[in-house]
């Protein structure tokens, strides 16, 4: 990325089910949900959204190998998207094991997301 323009942050949690994809998707949605970049087209090369570069960094507490990176990329509607998986986030007790919620144990997964936008 030649020029970083915007950084968005988010957090996502999967309280039951221990699915790293659910927590990661929620983290990226949280990062994107409260932002608008109305002037982004004006600063991109050729004023074209396809020239935007987006780098998604995810802090995962575990199960890096289970994350569907292509699904994360698919959440970003424009530009060239890269995804970095980092050690981070948190796995902590939810306080209860619920078999009917597909729990494997009592852990909840918390993922942090940073979405960097530029060109």
Protein backbone atom coordinates (compact mmCIF):
# COMPACT_ATOMS: atom_id res chain seq x y z
CA UNK A 1 0.00 0.00 0.00
CA UNK A 2 1.60 3.22 -1.17
CA UNK A 3 -0.67 5.57 0.82
CA UNK A 4 -2.65 4.61 3.92
CA UNK A 5 -5.77 6.77 4.12
CA UNK A 6 -8.14 5.29 6.67
CA UNK A 7 -8.04 2.77 9.55
CA UNK A 8 -11.15 1.15 10.97
CA UNK A 9 -11.21 -1.10 14.06
CA UNK A 10 -13.70 -3.64 15.32
CA UNK A 11 -14.32 -6.48 17.74
CA UNK A 12 -16.36 -9.62 17.24
CA UNK A 13 -17.37 -12.37 19.63
CA UNK A 14 -18.72 -15.89 19.27
CA UNK A 15 -20.09 -16.61 22.74
CA UNK A 16 -21.23 -20.16 21.96
CA UNK A 17 -20.05 -22.65 19.37
CA UNK A 18 -16.35 -21.77 19.31
CA UNK A 19 -16.44 -20.74 15.64
CA UNK A 20 -13.54 -18.45 14.76
CA UNK A 21 -15.29 -17.52 11.50
CA UNK A 22 -18.32 -16.14 13.33
CA UNK A 23 -16.15 -13.99 15.61
CA UNK A 24 -13.94 -12.79 12.72
CA UNK A 25 -16.92 -11.89 10.52
CA UNK A 26 -18.48 -9.92 13.38
CA UNK A 27 -15.19 -8.09 14.00
CA UNK A 28 -14.90 -7.03 10.35
CA UNK A 29 -18.59 -6.02 10.24
CA UNK A 30 -18.06 -3.97 13.40
CA UNK A 31 -15.07 -2.21 11.84
CA UNK A 32 -16.98 -1.35 8.67
CA UNK A 33 -20.46 -0.73 10.05
CA UNK A 34 -19.99 2.72 11.55
CA UNK A 35 -17.91 4.31 8.80
CA UNK A 36 -18.43 6.11 5.54
CA UNK A 37 -15.73 7.35 3.20
CA UNK A 38 -17.61 9.73 0.88
CA UNK A 39 -14.43 11.32 -0.51
CA UNK A 40 -12.42 8.14 -1.08
CA UNK A 41 -13.02 8.06 -4.82
CA UNK A 42 -11.58 11.58 -5.16
CA UNK A 43 -8.19 10.55 -3.77
CA UNK A 44 -7.83 7.16 -5.44
CA UNK A 45 -5.73 6.86 -8.60
CA UNK A 46 -7.95 7.51 -11.63
CA UNK A 47 -10.82 8.18 -9.17
CA UNK A 48 -11.62 4.48 -9.42
CA UNK A 49 -12.72 2.29 -6.48
CA UNK A 50 -11.03 -0.71 -8.06
CA UNK A 51 -7.69 1.01 -7.33
CA UNK A 52 -8.39 0.92 -3.60
CA UNK A 53 -6.31 -1.45 -1.48
CA UNK A 54 -7.74 -2.91 1.70
CA UNK A 55 -5.71 -4.84 4.25
CA UNK A 56 -7.63 -6.69 6.96
CA UNK A 57 -5.65 -7.65 10.06
CA UNK A 58 -7.30 -10.14 12.40
CA UNK A 59 -6.11 -10.89 15.92
CA UNK A 60 -7.22 -14.48 16.53
CA UNK A 61 -6.91 -16.29 19.87
CA UNK A 62 -6.78 -19.75 18.19
CA UNK A 63 -7.96 -21.82 15.23
CA UNK A 64 -6.03 -19.79 12.63
CA UNK A 65 -6.18 -22.80 10.32
CA UNK A 66 -10.00 -22.84 10.46
CA UNK A 67 -10.52 -19.26 9.32
CA UNK A 68 -12.10 -18.92 5.87
CA UNK A 69 -9.87 -16.13 4.49
CA UNK A 70 -11.81 -16.00 1.20
CA UNK A 71 -15.06 -15.35 3.09
CA UNK A 72 -13.38 -12.45 4.92
CA UNK A 73 -12.13 -11.04 1.61
CA UNK A 74 -15.65 -11.35 0.23
CA UNK A 75 -16.94 -8.97 2.90
CA UNK A 76 -15.06 -6.07 1.30
CA UNK A 77 -16.98 -4.84 -1.76
CA UNK A 78 -14.26 -2.84 -3.52
CA UNK A 79 -10.56 -2.93 -4.28
CA UNK A 80 -7.82 -5.46 -3.82
CA UNK A 81 -8.13 -7.16 -0.44
CA UNK A 82 -5.44 -8.87 1.63
CA UNK A 83 -5.92 -10.58 4.99
CA UNK A 84 -3.30 -10.99 7.72
CA UNK A 85 -3.83 -13.43 10.58
CA UNK A 86 -2.11 -12.48 13.81
CA UNK A 87 -2.00 -13.94 17.28
CA UNK A 88 -4.33 -11.85 19.41
CA UNK A 89 -7.91 -11.57 20.56
CA UNK A 90 -9.01 -13.65 23.50
CA UNK A 91 -10.49 -17.04 24.34
CA UNK A 92 -12.15 -16.90 27.73
CA UNK A 93 -14.88 -18.69 29.62
CA UNK A 94 -18.45 -17.78 28.74
CA UNK A 95 -19.39 -19.11 32.15
CA UNK A 96 -21.62 -21.82 30.76
CA UNK A 97 -21.48 -24.84 28.44
CA UNK A 98 -24.60 -25.14 26.27
CA UNK A 99 -24.79 -28.31 24.21
CA UNK A 100 -27.86 -27.04 22.30
CA UNK A 101 -25.73 -24.06 21.10
CA UNK A 102 -23.13 -26.46 19.61
CA UNK A 103 -20.63 -25.70 22.37
CA UNK A 104 -17.53 -27.90 22.40
CA UNK A 105 -16.53 -26.34 25.73
CA UNK A 106 -17.35 -23.17 27.68
CA UNK A 107 -15.01 -20.85 25.75
CA UNK A 108 -16.05 -17.75 23.87
CA UNK A 109 -13.83 -16.41 21.08
CA UNK A 110 -13.09 -12.69 20.78
CA UNK A 111 -11.43 -11.43 17.59
CA UNK A 112 -10.04 -7.96 16.92
CA UNK A 113 -10.03 -6.49 13.41
CA UNK A 114 -8.12 -3.62 11.84
CA UNK A 115 -9.17 -2.63 8.33
CA UNK A 116 -6.65 -0.44 6.55
CA UNK A 117 -7.77 1.43 3.43
CA UNK A 118 -5.54 3.18 0.93
CA UNK A 119 -4.03 2.84 -2.51
